N, C-alpha and C. Protein backbone atom coordinates (compact mmCIF):
# COMPACT_ATOMS: atom_id res chain seq x y z
N UNK A 1 -26.74 5.35 -5.49
CA UNK A 1 -26.01 5.62 -6.76
C UNK A 1 -26.93 5.27 -7.89
N UNK A 2 -26.75 6.03 -8.91
CA UNK A 2 -27.64 5.89 -10.12
C UNK A 2 -27.06 4.70 -10.93
N UNK A 3 -27.91 4.25 -11.85
CA UNK A 3 -27.42 3.20 -12.77
C UNK A 3 -26.36 3.70 -13.68
N UNK A 4 -26.43 4.95 -14.08
CA UNK A 4 -25.35 5.49 -14.90
C UNK A 4 -24.05 5.52 -14.23
N UNK A 5 -24.04 5.91 -12.95
CA UNK A 5 -22.87 5.98 -12.16
C UNK A 5 -22.25 4.57 -11.96
N UNK A 6 -23.11 3.57 -11.65
CA UNK A 6 -22.62 2.21 -11.56
C UNK A 6 -22.02 1.75 -12.84
N UNK A 7 -22.65 2.02 -13.93
CA UNK A 7 -22.05 1.60 -15.22
C UNK A 7 -20.75 2.23 -15.42
N UNK A 8 -20.64 3.56 -15.11
CA UNK A 8 -19.39 4.30 -15.26
C UNK A 8 -18.31 3.58 -14.50
N UNK A 9 -18.56 3.22 -13.20
CA UNK A 9 -17.59 2.62 -12.37
C UNK A 9 -17.16 1.32 -12.84
N UNK A 10 -18.12 0.50 -13.32
CA UNK A 10 -17.75 -0.83 -13.85
C UNK A 10 -16.91 -0.70 -15.15
N UNK A 11 -17.32 0.21 -15.98
CA UNK A 11 -16.65 0.36 -17.30
C UNK A 11 -15.25 0.82 -17.04
N UNK A 12 -15.04 1.76 -16.16
CA UNK A 12 -13.74 2.44 -15.96
C UNK A 12 -12.94 1.92 -14.74
N UNK A 13 -13.38 0.86 -14.13
CA UNK A 13 -12.73 0.36 -12.90
C UNK A 13 -11.20 0.11 -13.08
N UNK A 14 -10.80 -0.57 -14.11
CA UNK A 14 -9.39 -0.81 -14.17
C UNK A 14 -8.54 0.51 -14.27
N UNK A 15 -9.13 1.47 -15.02
CA UNK A 15 -8.39 2.74 -15.12
C UNK A 15 -8.43 3.50 -13.86
N UNK A 16 -9.48 3.43 -13.09
CA UNK A 16 -9.53 4.02 -11.78
C UNK A 16 -8.68 3.42 -10.72
N UNK A 17 -8.53 2.11 -10.77
CA UNK A 17 -7.65 1.38 -9.87
C UNK A 17 -6.17 1.68 -10.28
N UNK A 18 -5.90 1.74 -11.52
CA UNK A 18 -4.56 2.04 -12.01
C UNK A 18 -4.21 3.43 -11.56
N UNK A 19 -5.09 4.44 -11.77
CA UNK A 19 -4.86 5.81 -11.37
C UNK A 19 -4.67 5.97 -9.91
N UNK A 20 -5.50 5.26 -9.10
CA UNK A 20 -5.29 5.36 -7.62
C UNK A 20 -3.95 4.77 -7.21
N UNK A 21 -3.49 3.71 -7.83
CA UNK A 21 -2.17 3.12 -7.58
C UNK A 21 -1.06 4.13 -7.95
N UNK A 22 -1.15 4.76 -9.11
CA UNK A 22 -0.11 5.65 -9.51
C UNK A 22 -0.11 6.90 -8.66
N UNK A 23 -1.32 7.40 -8.26
CA UNK A 23 -1.34 8.52 -7.39
C UNK A 23 -0.84 8.22 -6.02
N UNK A 24 -1.09 7.02 -5.45
CA UNK A 24 -0.54 6.63 -4.21
C UNK A 24 0.94 6.46 -4.22
N UNK A 25 1.44 5.75 -5.25
CA UNK A 25 2.94 5.62 -5.39
C UNK A 25 3.55 6.95 -5.61
N UNK A 26 2.94 7.79 -6.38
CA UNK A 26 3.51 9.13 -6.66
C UNK A 26 3.62 9.97 -5.39
N UNK A 27 2.53 9.85 -4.61
CA UNK A 27 2.55 10.59 -3.28
C UNK A 27 3.64 10.02 -2.36
N UNK A 28 3.83 8.69 -2.32
CA UNK A 28 4.85 8.11 -1.50
C UNK A 28 6.19 8.53 -1.93
N UNK A 29 6.48 8.54 -3.25
CA UNK A 29 7.83 8.93 -3.76
C UNK A 29 8.05 10.35 -3.60
N UNK A 30 7.00 11.20 -3.73
CA UNK A 30 7.14 12.63 -3.54
C UNK A 30 7.43 12.96 -2.10
N UNK A 31 6.81 12.26 -1.14
CA UNK A 31 7.11 12.40 0.27
C UNK A 31 8.54 12.03 0.59
N UNK A 32 9.00 11.01 -0.07
CA UNK A 32 10.41 10.53 0.10
C UNK A 32 11.39 11.51 -0.43
N UNK A 33 11.25 11.80 -1.75
CA UNK A 33 12.33 12.55 -2.48
C UNK A 33 12.18 14.14 -2.26
N UNK A 34 11.03 14.64 -2.24
CA UNK A 34 10.92 16.06 -2.06
C UNK A 34 10.68 16.52 -0.67
N UNK A 35 10.03 15.75 0.15
CA UNK A 35 9.82 16.15 1.57
C UNK A 35 10.84 15.56 2.48
N UNK A 36 11.69 14.66 1.94
CA UNK A 36 12.75 14.14 2.72
C UNK A 36 12.38 13.10 3.71
N UNK A 37 11.22 12.46 3.54
CA UNK A 37 10.76 11.46 4.52
C UNK A 37 11.18 10.07 4.02
N UNK A 38 12.30 9.55 4.54
CA UNK A 38 12.84 8.25 4.10
C UNK A 38 11.85 7.16 4.60
N UNK A 39 11.60 6.17 3.71
CA UNK A 39 10.66 5.09 4.08
C UNK A 39 11.37 4.00 5.00
N UNK A 40 10.55 3.51 5.86
CA UNK A 40 11.03 2.38 6.70
C UNK A 40 10.63 1.07 5.98
N UNK A 41 11.07 -0.08 6.35
CA UNK A 41 10.76 -1.37 5.77
C UNK A 41 9.22 -1.59 5.56
N UNK A 42 8.40 -1.19 6.59
CA UNK A 42 7.01 -1.36 6.47
C UNK A 42 6.43 -0.50 5.35
N UNK A 43 7.00 0.73 5.21
CA UNK A 43 6.49 1.62 4.11
C UNK A 43 6.76 0.95 2.81
N UNK A 44 7.93 0.39 2.62
CA UNK A 44 8.28 -0.20 1.41
C UNK A 44 7.33 -1.37 0.99
N UNK A 45 6.92 -2.19 2.01
CA UNK A 45 6.00 -3.27 1.74
C UNK A 45 4.74 -2.78 1.33
N UNK A 46 4.26 -1.67 1.84
CA UNK A 46 3.02 -1.10 1.35
C UNK A 46 3.04 -0.61 -0.07
N UNK A 47 4.25 -0.17 -0.47
CA UNK A 47 4.38 0.28 -1.88
C UNK A 47 4.26 -0.89 -2.79
N UNK A 48 4.75 -2.03 -2.44
CA UNK A 48 4.70 -3.23 -3.31
C UNK A 48 3.22 -3.62 -3.57
N UNK A 49 2.38 -3.46 -2.53
CA UNK A 49 0.97 -3.76 -2.79
C UNK A 49 0.29 -2.84 -3.75
N UNK A 50 0.51 -1.54 -3.59
CA UNK A 50 -0.01 -0.66 -4.61
C UNK A 50 0.49 -0.88 -6.01
N UNK A 51 1.81 -1.21 -6.10
CA UNK A 51 2.37 -1.54 -7.40
C UNK A 51 1.73 -2.76 -7.96
N UNK A 52 1.60 -3.82 -7.19
CA UNK A 52 0.90 -5.03 -7.70
C UNK A 52 -0.53 -4.73 -8.22
N UNK A 53 -1.27 -3.97 -7.39
CA UNK A 53 -2.66 -3.61 -7.83
C UNK A 53 -2.70 -2.81 -9.06
N UNK A 54 -1.71 -1.85 -9.25
CA UNK A 54 -1.68 -1.03 -10.44
C UNK A 54 -1.26 -1.93 -11.70
N UNK A 55 -0.39 -2.80 -11.47
CA UNK A 55 -0.02 -3.65 -12.64
C UNK A 55 -1.12 -4.54 -13.06
N UNK A 56 -1.80 -5.14 -12.12
CA UNK A 56 -2.98 -5.95 -12.45
C UNK A 56 -4.08 -5.11 -13.16
N UNK A 57 -4.31 -3.96 -12.63
CA UNK A 57 -5.33 -3.07 -13.24
C UNK A 57 -4.99 -2.70 -14.69
N UNK A 58 -3.65 -2.42 -14.91
CA UNK A 58 -3.16 -2.11 -16.31
C UNK A 58 -3.45 -3.33 -17.21
N UNK A 59 -3.18 -4.50 -16.68
CA UNK A 59 -3.43 -5.67 -17.46
C UNK A 59 -4.94 -5.86 -17.75
N UNK A 60 -5.75 -5.44 -16.86
CA UNK A 60 -7.22 -5.59 -17.06
C UNK A 60 -7.73 -4.58 -18.10
N UNK A 61 -6.90 -3.59 -18.44
CA UNK A 61 -7.25 -2.61 -19.53
C UNK A 61 -7.04 -3.19 -20.93
N UNK A 62 -6.28 -4.25 -21.01
CA UNK A 62 -5.92 -4.82 -22.33
C UNK A 62 -7.12 -5.52 -22.90
N UNK A 63 -7.67 -5.17 -24.01
CA UNK A 63 -8.88 -5.79 -24.56
C UNK A 63 -8.72 -7.29 -24.78
N UNK A 64 -7.58 -7.79 -25.08
CA UNK A 64 -7.35 -9.18 -25.44
C UNK A 64 -7.56 -10.07 -24.14
N UNK A 65 -7.52 -9.49 -23.00
CA UNK A 65 -7.58 -10.25 -21.72
C UNK A 65 -8.96 -10.94 -21.64
N UNK A 66 -10.02 -10.24 -22.14
CA UNK A 66 -11.37 -10.78 -22.09
C UNK A 66 -11.97 -10.58 -20.73
N UNK A 67 -13.29 -10.86 -20.67
CA UNK A 67 -14.11 -10.64 -19.36
C UNK A 67 -13.53 -11.49 -18.21
N UNK A 68 -13.31 -12.78 -18.50
CA UNK A 68 -12.78 -13.61 -17.41
C UNK A 68 -11.43 -13.21 -16.83
N UNK A 69 -10.56 -12.87 -17.74
CA UNK A 69 -9.22 -12.41 -17.33
C UNK A 69 -9.26 -11.08 -16.59
N UNK A 70 -10.26 -10.24 -17.05
CA UNK A 70 -10.40 -8.95 -16.44
C UNK A 70 -10.87 -9.15 -14.99
N UNK A 71 -11.82 -10.01 -14.79
CA UNK A 71 -12.22 -10.31 -13.45
C UNK A 71 -11.14 -10.83 -12.57
N UNK A 72 -10.38 -11.74 -13.10
CA UNK A 72 -9.24 -12.31 -12.32
C UNK A 72 -8.22 -11.20 -11.93
N UNK A 73 -7.90 -10.30 -12.87
CA UNK A 73 -6.94 -9.31 -12.65
C UNK A 73 -7.47 -8.32 -11.62
N UNK A 74 -8.77 -7.95 -11.73
CA UNK A 74 -9.38 -7.11 -10.75
C UNK A 74 -9.42 -7.75 -9.33
N UNK A 75 -9.64 -9.08 -9.30
CA UNK A 75 -9.53 -9.78 -7.97
C UNK A 75 -8.15 -9.76 -7.49
N UNK A 76 -7.17 -9.88 -8.32
CA UNK A 76 -5.75 -9.77 -7.91
C UNK A 76 -5.46 -8.37 -7.32
N UNK A 77 -6.00 -7.32 -7.97
CA UNK A 77 -5.87 -6.03 -7.44
C UNK A 77 -6.38 -5.91 -6.05
N UNK A 78 -7.59 -6.49 -5.88
CA UNK A 78 -8.29 -6.46 -4.59
C UNK A 78 -7.37 -7.22 -3.58
N UNK A 79 -6.86 -8.34 -3.85
CA UNK A 79 -6.04 -9.13 -3.02
C UNK A 79 -4.78 -8.37 -2.66
N UNK A 80 -4.15 -7.76 -3.63
CA UNK A 80 -2.95 -6.98 -3.34
C UNK A 80 -3.27 -5.87 -2.40
N UNK A 81 -4.33 -5.16 -2.59
CA UNK A 81 -4.75 -4.04 -1.73
C UNK A 81 -5.13 -4.50 -0.34
N UNK A 82 -5.73 -5.71 -0.20
CA UNK A 82 -6.02 -6.20 1.15
C UNK A 82 -4.82 -6.54 1.91
N UNK A 83 -3.78 -7.10 1.23
CA UNK A 83 -2.48 -7.35 1.82
C UNK A 83 -1.88 -6.05 2.24
N UNK A 84 -1.94 -5.06 1.32
CA UNK A 84 -1.33 -3.71 1.63
C UNK A 84 -2.07 -3.08 2.82
N UNK A 85 -3.34 -3.28 2.94
CA UNK A 85 -4.07 -2.69 4.04
C UNK A 85 -3.72 -3.36 5.35
N UNK A 86 -3.42 -4.67 5.29
CA UNK A 86 -2.95 -5.37 6.53
C UNK A 86 -1.56 -4.80 6.97
N UNK A 87 -0.69 -4.61 6.00
CA UNK A 87 0.59 -3.93 6.34
C UNK A 87 0.44 -2.59 6.93
N UNK A 88 -0.49 -1.79 6.33
CA UNK A 88 -0.73 -0.49 6.73
C UNK A 88 -1.35 -0.43 8.17
N UNK A 89 -2.33 -1.31 8.46
CA UNK A 89 -2.88 -1.38 9.82
C UNK A 89 -1.79 -1.74 10.76
N UNK A 90 -0.95 -2.75 10.43
CA UNK A 90 0.16 -3.16 11.29
C UNK A 90 1.11 -2.02 11.59
N UNK A 91 1.43 -1.24 10.49
CA UNK A 91 2.44 -0.11 10.58
C UNK A 91 1.78 0.96 11.46
N UNK A 92 0.53 1.25 11.25
CA UNK A 92 -0.16 2.17 12.16
C UNK A 92 -0.10 1.74 13.57
N UNK A 93 -0.36 0.54 13.88
CA UNK A 93 -0.31 0.03 15.23
C UNK A 93 1.13 0.11 15.81
N UNK A 94 2.12 -0.11 14.98
CA UNK A 94 3.54 0.01 15.37
C UNK A 94 3.79 1.51 15.78
N UNK A 95 3.33 2.35 14.91
CA UNK A 95 3.54 3.79 15.11
C UNK A 95 2.87 4.29 16.41
N UNK A 96 1.71 3.73 16.66
CA UNK A 96 0.96 4.15 17.88
C UNK A 96 1.36 3.35 19.16
N UNK A 97 2.30 2.44 18.97
CA UNK A 97 2.84 1.60 20.03
C UNK A 97 1.77 0.68 20.70
N UNK A 98 0.86 0.27 19.80
CA UNK A 98 -0.14 -0.73 20.20
C UNK A 98 0.49 -2.10 20.31
N UNK A 99 1.43 -2.32 19.46
CA UNK A 99 2.17 -3.55 19.50
C UNK A 99 3.54 -3.35 18.97
N UNK A 100 4.42 -4.27 19.21
CA UNK A 100 5.85 -4.12 18.79
C UNK A 100 6.01 -4.32 17.29
N UNK A 101 6.85 -3.65 16.72
CA UNK A 101 7.20 -3.80 15.30
C UNK A 101 8.29 -4.83 15.11
N UNK A 102 8.63 -5.13 13.86
CA UNK A 102 9.67 -6.05 13.60
C UNK A 102 10.96 -5.53 14.05
N UNK A 103 11.89 -6.42 14.43
CA UNK A 103 13.16 -6.08 14.86
C UNK A 103 13.97 -5.28 13.74
N UNK A 104 13.58 -5.47 12.52
CA UNK A 104 14.31 -4.80 11.39
C UNK A 104 14.11 -3.31 11.36
N UNK A 105 13.05 -2.84 12.05
CA UNK A 105 12.79 -1.43 11.88
C UNK A 105 12.26 -0.70 13.17
N UNK A 106 12.08 -1.35 14.23
CA UNK A 106 11.65 -0.71 15.45
C UNK A 106 12.74 -0.51 16.42
N UNK A 107 13.91 -0.95 16.12
CA UNK A 107 15.03 -0.79 17.00
C UNK A 107 15.08 -1.94 18.03
N UNK A 108 16.20 -2.48 18.25
CA UNK A 108 16.34 -3.50 19.23
C UNK A 108 17.51 -3.16 20.08
N UNK A 109 17.59 -3.63 21.26
CA UNK A 109 18.74 -3.37 22.12
C UNK A 109 19.99 -3.84 21.45
N UNK A 110 21.04 -3.04 21.46
CA UNK A 110 22.30 -3.43 20.82
C UNK A 110 23.14 -4.12 21.91
N UNK A 111 23.51 -5.34 21.64
CA UNK A 111 24.39 -6.04 22.63
C UNK A 111 25.74 -6.23 21.93
N UNK A 112 26.74 -5.84 22.67
CA UNK A 112 28.10 -6.01 22.18
C UNK A 112 29.07 -6.23 23.25
N UNK A 113 30.10 -7.11 23.02
CA UNK A 113 31.04 -7.33 24.01
C UNK A 113 32.28 -6.50 23.93
N UNK A 114 32.51 -5.94 22.73
CA UNK A 114 33.72 -5.15 22.47
C UNK A 114 33.30 -3.89 21.76
N UNK A 115 34.18 -2.94 21.69
CA UNK A 115 33.92 -1.67 20.97
C UNK A 115 33.71 -1.98 19.52
N UNK A 116 34.51 -2.88 18.93
CA UNK A 116 34.38 -3.18 17.55
C UNK A 116 33.01 -3.83 17.25
N UNK A 117 32.59 -4.72 18.10
CA UNK A 117 31.20 -5.28 17.92
C UNK A 117 30.18 -4.27 18.05
N UNK A 118 30.29 -3.33 18.95
CA UNK A 118 29.33 -2.22 19.15
C UNK A 118 29.30 -1.35 17.91
N UNK A 119 30.48 -1.05 17.29
CA UNK A 119 30.49 -0.22 16.04
C UNK A 119 29.80 -0.96 14.93
N UNK A 120 30.03 -2.25 14.78
CA UNK A 120 29.42 -3.03 13.69
C UNK A 120 27.89 -3.03 13.96
N UNK A 121 27.48 -3.22 15.17
CA UNK A 121 26.00 -3.29 15.46
C UNK A 121 25.39 -1.97 15.19
N UNK A 122 26.05 -0.87 15.55
CA UNK A 122 25.51 0.47 15.27
C UNK A 122 25.35 0.75 13.72
N UNK A 123 26.43 0.34 12.97
CA UNK A 123 26.37 0.52 11.55
C UNK A 123 25.37 -0.36 10.87
N UNK A 124 25.02 -1.48 11.47
CA UNK A 124 24.02 -2.31 10.85
C UNK A 124 22.55 -1.93 11.25
N UNK A 125 22.44 -1.11 12.28
CA UNK A 125 21.14 -0.71 12.80
C UNK A 125 20.36 0.09 11.74
N UNK A 126 19.06 -0.11 11.66
CA UNK A 126 18.20 0.67 10.67
C UNK A 126 18.25 2.12 10.95
N UNK A 127 18.23 2.96 9.88
CA UNK A 127 18.29 4.36 10.05
C UNK A 127 16.82 4.85 10.27
N UNK A 128 15.91 4.35 9.60
CA UNK A 128 14.53 4.75 9.65
C UNK A 128 13.69 3.73 10.51
N UNK A 129 13.13 4.28 11.51
CA UNK A 129 12.36 3.44 12.43
C UNK A 129 10.90 3.39 12.03
N UNK A 130 10.29 2.30 12.19
CA UNK A 130 8.85 2.10 11.89
C UNK A 130 7.96 2.53 12.95
N UNK A 131 8.50 2.77 14.14
CA UNK A 131 7.61 3.08 15.29
C UNK A 131 7.63 4.62 15.63
N UNK A 132 8.14 5.43 14.71
CA UNK A 132 8.12 6.81 14.84
C UNK A 132 7.30 7.39 13.63
N UNK A 133 6.46 8.43 13.92
CA UNK A 133 5.69 9.14 12.96
C UNK A 133 6.40 10.36 12.43
N UNK A 134 6.95 10.29 11.22
CA UNK A 134 7.70 11.46 10.80
C UNK A 134 6.76 12.61 10.23
N UNK A 135 5.49 12.24 9.91
CA UNK A 135 4.63 13.27 9.33
C UNK A 135 3.18 12.83 9.63
N UNK A 136 2.42 13.78 9.96
CA UNK A 136 0.94 13.49 10.14
C UNK A 136 0.09 14.74 9.78
N UNK A 137 -1.14 14.48 9.35
CA UNK A 137 -2.10 15.60 9.10
C UNK A 137 -3.35 15.22 9.79
N UNK A 138 -3.92 16.13 10.62
CA UNK A 138 -5.10 15.91 11.41
C UNK A 138 -4.90 14.71 12.35
N UNK A 139 -3.66 14.45 12.75
CA UNK A 139 -3.36 13.37 13.73
C UNK A 139 -3.33 12.00 13.05
N UNK A 140 -3.36 11.93 11.74
CA UNK A 140 -3.25 10.67 10.99
C UNK A 140 -2.01 10.63 10.25
N UNK A 141 -1.21 9.59 10.43
CA UNK A 141 0.10 9.40 9.70
C UNK A 141 -0.12 8.95 8.29
N UNK A 142 0.99 8.89 7.59
CA UNK A 142 0.88 8.38 6.21
C UNK A 142 0.41 6.97 6.18
N UNK A 143 0.90 6.16 7.15
CA UNK A 143 0.43 4.78 7.18
C UNK A 143 -1.11 4.73 7.51
N UNK A 144 -1.63 5.64 8.34
CA UNK A 144 -3.03 5.72 8.59
C UNK A 144 -3.79 6.08 7.36
N UNK A 145 -3.33 7.04 6.60
CA UNK A 145 -4.03 7.40 5.36
C UNK A 145 -3.97 6.27 4.39
N UNK A 146 -2.90 5.47 4.43
CA UNK A 146 -2.77 4.29 3.52
C UNK A 146 -3.75 3.23 3.92
N UNK A 147 -4.08 3.11 5.22
CA UNK A 147 -5.08 2.19 5.67
C UNK A 147 -6.44 2.54 4.98
N UNK A 148 -6.80 3.79 5.01
CA UNK A 148 -8.11 4.27 4.45
C UNK A 148 -8.11 4.03 2.97
N UNK A 149 -7.08 4.40 2.27
CA UNK A 149 -7.05 4.29 0.80
C UNK A 149 -7.02 2.84 0.37
N UNK A 150 -6.23 2.03 1.06
CA UNK A 150 -6.09 0.62 0.67
C UNK A 150 -7.34 -0.10 0.92
N UNK A 151 -7.99 0.09 2.01
CA UNK A 151 -9.27 -0.62 2.34
C UNK A 151 -10.37 -0.15 1.28
N UNK A 152 -10.46 1.12 1.06
CA UNK A 152 -11.44 1.59 0.13
C UNK A 152 -11.24 1.02 -1.32
N UNK A 153 -10.01 1.04 -1.74
CA UNK A 153 -9.77 0.58 -3.14
C UNK A 153 -9.77 -0.96 -3.14
N UNK A 154 -9.44 -1.64 -2.14
CA UNK A 154 -9.60 -3.10 -2.08
C UNK A 154 -11.10 -3.44 -2.19
N UNK A 155 -11.94 -2.76 -1.45
CA UNK A 155 -13.33 -3.01 -1.55
C UNK A 155 -13.94 -2.74 -2.85
N UNK A 156 -13.47 -1.64 -3.48
CA UNK A 156 -13.92 -1.27 -4.80
C UNK A 156 -13.48 -2.31 -5.85
N UNK A 157 -12.25 -2.68 -5.77
CA UNK A 157 -11.76 -3.69 -6.72
C UNK A 157 -12.47 -5.05 -6.54
N UNK A 158 -12.71 -5.48 -5.34
CA UNK A 158 -13.41 -6.69 -5.14
C UNK A 158 -14.85 -6.61 -5.58
N UNK A 159 -15.46 -5.50 -5.37
CA UNK A 159 -16.89 -5.25 -5.77
C UNK A 159 -16.99 -5.38 -7.28
N UNK A 160 -16.10 -4.71 -8.02
CA UNK A 160 -16.16 -4.67 -9.47
C UNK A 160 -15.82 -6.07 -9.97
N UNK A 161 -14.84 -6.78 -9.33
CA UNK A 161 -14.47 -8.13 -9.84
C UNK A 161 -15.70 -9.14 -9.67
N UNK A 162 -16.42 -8.95 -8.57
CA UNK A 162 -17.47 -9.92 -8.31
C UNK A 162 -18.80 -9.55 -8.94
N UNK A 163 -19.05 -8.32 -9.24
CA UNK A 163 -20.39 -7.85 -9.77
C UNK A 163 -20.44 -7.97 -11.29
N UNK A 164 -21.57 -8.44 -11.81
CA UNK A 164 -21.75 -8.55 -13.19
C UNK A 164 -22.01 -7.15 -13.77
N UNK A 165 -21.89 -7.01 -15.04
CA UNK A 165 -22.22 -5.78 -15.72
C UNK A 165 -20.97 -4.99 -16.12
N UNK A 166 -21.29 -3.87 -16.79
CA UNK A 166 -20.16 -3.04 -17.28
C UNK A 166 -19.67 -3.49 -18.62
N UNK A 167 -18.97 -2.59 -19.35
CA UNK A 167 -18.49 -2.90 -20.64
C UNK A 167 -17.22 -3.90 -20.44
N UNK A 168 -17.01 -4.63 -21.45
CA UNK A 168 -15.87 -5.61 -21.44
C UNK A 168 -16.13 -6.82 -20.57
N UNK A 169 -17.28 -7.05 -20.23
CA UNK A 169 -17.58 -8.18 -19.35
C UNK A 169 -18.27 -9.24 -20.09
C-alpha cells in the first residue's frame, strides 16, 4: 500500500466504518423487508454490533472529540465488530449444524401434558429458526458473509485505532 493510500484510510476511517455499518444494516433490513427473510434472534444480535460500530464511528467524526477520543471510539467500533463476528461465527456454525444453537431459536422438543399446554407451547415457539439457511450465494449464508465483513472491519477499526498518523490525530 502506498503512503497516500494509508493516509487516506487513516483520515477517512470513521466515515468508512460508518458507511460500512450503514451498508450492512441497510442490506440486512432490505433482505428482511423486501426479500421477506425474517431475522432470527442471532441475526438481531449481529445487527446490534453493526449499529454500535456505526454510532461510535459517527462520534469519531465529531471534531470536538479530539485525537484521544477518536482513538477510543474507533477501538469501541473494533470491539463491537469483534463481538458481532463472534455472533456471526456462532450463527454460521448453528446453520451448518456444527453445534447446537440456543433453545430460543433452534427449536426444542415441545413437551405438553394436555392439549391446552401443547397449544400454548406451539404459540410460544419461535417462528424463525437459527439453524436453517433461508438464503445463500455461492454456498455462503448471510451469517457467513457477516463473518467476513465483521472480521475485516474489526481488523480495520483496530488497526486505525492503534496506528499513529492521519488527520485529526
